Amino acid sequence: MGFRWYATSIAKELGVNGWVKNLRDGRVEIIAEAEPDILESFTEKMKKSYLGLNIHYINIEKEKATGEFKDFKILFF
């Protein structure tokens, strides 16, 4: 299982909405909406698995949720 599928699996388990996609430079971008404690659990679960060992840098920007996302999916460019 790849990282995007892994992130999607955790998001669906926790009820996180948004998306994940690979960027052309090799990084992965995730937009996620949920209650703050759920987002914290999402981040922690991602870091604690074997795939999480590949996470070297996390930049979190907090903004007010828009409610535009109804599920969590993988975007492809």
C-alpha atoms as a PDB file:
ATOM      1  CA  MET A   1       0.000   0.000   0.000  1.00  0.00           C
ATOM      2  CA  GLY A   2       1.323   3.439  -0.921  1.00  0.00           C
ATOM      3  CA  PHE A   3       1.332   6.533   1.230  1.00  0.00           C
ATOM      4  CA  ARG A   4      -1.712   8.160  -0.407  1.00  0.00           C
ATOM      5  CA  TRP A   5      -3.802   5.011   0.086  1.00  0.00           C
ATOM      6  CA  TYR A   6      -2.518   4.761   3.644  1.00  0.00           C
ATOM      7  CA  ALA A   7      -3.536   8.378   4.373  1.00  0.00           C
ATOM      8  CA  THR A   8      -6.955   7.750   2.823  1.00  0.00           C
ATOM      9  CA  SER A   9      -7.476   4.640   4.948  1.00  0.00           C
ATOM     10  CA  ILE A  10      -6.697   6.513   8.175  1.00  0.00           C
ATOM     11  CA  ALA A  11      -8.840   9.496   7.140  1.00  0.00           C
ATOM     12  CA  LYS A  12     -11.839   7.274   6.464  1.00  0.00           C
ATOM     13  CA  GLU A  13     -11.316   5.403   9.743  1.00  0.00           C
ATOM     14  CA  LEU A  14     -11.346   8.680  11.715  1.00  0.00           C
ATOM     15  CA  GLY A  15     -13.968  10.553   9.683  1.00  0.00           C
ATOM     16  CA  VAL A  16     -11.582  13.115   8.197  1.00  0.00           C
ATOM     17  CA  ASN A  17     -12.668  14.827   4.953  1.00  0.00           C
ATOM     18  CA  GLY A  18     -10.395  16.278   2.278  1.00  0.00           C
ATOM     19  CA  TRP A  19      -7.806  14.940  -0.139  1.00  0.00           C
ATOM     20  CA  VAL A  20      -4.228  13.764  -0.616  1.00  0.00           C
ATOM     21  CA  LYS A  21      -2.048  14.100  -3.721  1.00  0.00           C
ATOM     22  CA  ASN A  22       1.531  13.721  -4.857  1.00  0.00           C
ATOM     23  CA  LEU A  23       3.282  16.901  -5.904  1.00  0.00           C
ATOM     24  CA  ARG A  24       5.594  16.988  -8.910  1.00  0.00           C
ATOM     25  CA  ASP A  25       8.622  17.543  -6.649  1.00  0.00           C
ATOM     26  CA  GLY A  26       8.000  14.272  -4.757  1.00  0.00           C
ATOM     27  CA  ARG A  27       6.275  15.740  -1.697  1.00  0.00           C
ATOM     28  CA  VAL A  28       2.735  14.836  -0.682  1.00  0.00           C
ATOM     29  CA  GLU A  29       0.054  17.433   0.071  1.00  0.00           C
ATOM     30  CA  ILE A  30      -2.946  16.732   2.277  1.00  0.00           C
ATOM     31  CA  ILE A  31      -5.935  18.987   2.868  1.00  0.00           C
ATOM     32  CA  ALA A  32      -7.931  17.671   5.824  1.00  0.00           C
ATOM     33  CA  GLU A  33     -11.021  18.853   7.692  1.00  0.00           C
ATOM     34  CA  ALA A  34     -12.233  17.511  11.033  1.00  0.00           C
ATOM     35  CA  GLU A  35     -12.438  18.535  14.665  1.00  0.00           C
ATOM     36  CA  PRO A  36      -9.002  19.513  16.075  1.00  0.00           C
ATOM     37  CA  ASP A  37      -8.654  16.380  18.233  1.00  0.00           C
ATOM     38  CA  ILE A  38      -9.463  14.152  15.261  1.00  0.00           C
ATOM     39  CA  LEU A  39      -6.904  15.956  13.092  1.00  0.00           C
ATOM     40  CA  GLU A  40      -4.316  15.442  15.832  1.00  0.00           C
ATOM     41  CA  SER A  41      -5.113  11.709  15.873  1.00  0.00           C
ATOM     42  CA  PHE A  42      -4.884  11.630  12.067  1.00  0.00           C
ATOM     43  CA  THR A  43      -1.403  13.180  12.135  1.00  0.00           C
ATOM     44  CA  GLU A  44      -0.176  10.924  14.950  1.00  0.00           C
ATOM     45  CA  LYS A  45      -1.475   7.725  13.319  1.00  0.00           C
ATOM     46  CA  MET A  46       0.253   8.659  10.084  1.00  0.00           C
ATOM     47  CA  LYS A  47       3.582   9.208  11.828  1.00  0.00           C
ATOM     48  CA  LYS A  48       3.477   5.961  13.853  1.00  0.00           C
ATOM     49  CA  SER A  49       3.335   3.383  11.073  1.00  0.00           C
ATOM     50  CA  TYR A  50       6.019   1.959   8.831  1.00  0.00           C
ATOM     51  CA  LEU A  51       4.979   4.404   6.106  1.00  0.00           C
ATOM     52  CA  GLY A  52       5.210   7.209   8.637  1.00  0.00           C
ATOM     53  CA  LEU A  53       8.931   6.576   8.935  1.00  0.00           C
ATOM     54  CA  ASN A  54       9.218   8.333   5.568  1.00  0.00           C
ATOM     55  CA  ILE A  55       7.747  11.551   6.964  1.00  0.00           C
ATOM     56  CA  HIS A  56      10.667  13.916   7.446  1.00  0.00           C
ATOM     57  CA  TYR A  57       8.859  17.233   7.568  1.00  0.00           C
ATOM     58  CA  ILE A  58       5.283  18.246   8.285  1.00  0.00           C
ATOM     59  CA  ASN A  59       4.046  21.760   7.654  1.00  0.00           C
ATOM     60  CA  ILE A  60       0.623  22.317   9.185  1.00  0.00           C
ATOM     61  CA  GLU A  61      -1.360  25.408   8.277  1.00  0.00           C
ATOM     62  CA  LYS A  62      -4.553  25.813  10.267  1.00  0.00           C
ATOM     63  CA  GLU A  63      -7.498  27.552   8.698  1.00  0.00           C
ATOM     64  CA  LYS A  64     -11.201  27.663   9.369  1.00  0.00           C
ATOM     65  CA  ALA A  65     -12.929  24.611   7.889  1.00  0.00           C
ATOM     66  CA  THR A  66     -14.939  25.369   4.767  1.00  0.00           C
ATOM     67  CA  GLY A  67     -17.174  22.312   4.863  1.00  0.00           C
ATOM     68  CA  GLU A  68     -16.664  21.832   1.121  1.00  0.00           C
ATOM     69  CA  PHE A  69     -15.361  18.257   1.512  1.00  0.00           C
ATOM     70  CA  LYS A  70     -17.816  15.403   1.996  1.00  0.00           C
ATOM     71  CA  ASP A  71     -15.278  12.547   2.012  1.00  0.00           C
ATOM     72  CA  PHE A  72     -11.558  11.898   1.657  1.00  0.00           C
ATOM     73  CA  LYS A  73     -10.039  11.007  -1.701  1.00  0.00           C
ATOM     74  CA  ILE A  74      -6.849  10.746  -3.693  1.00  0.00           C
ATOM     75  CA  LEU A  75      -6.314  13.387  -6.361  1.00  0.00           C
ATOM     76  CA  PHE A  76      -4.207  12.637  -9.416  1.00  0.00           C
ATOM     77  CA  PHE A  77      -2.531  15.293 -11.528  1.00  0.00           C
END
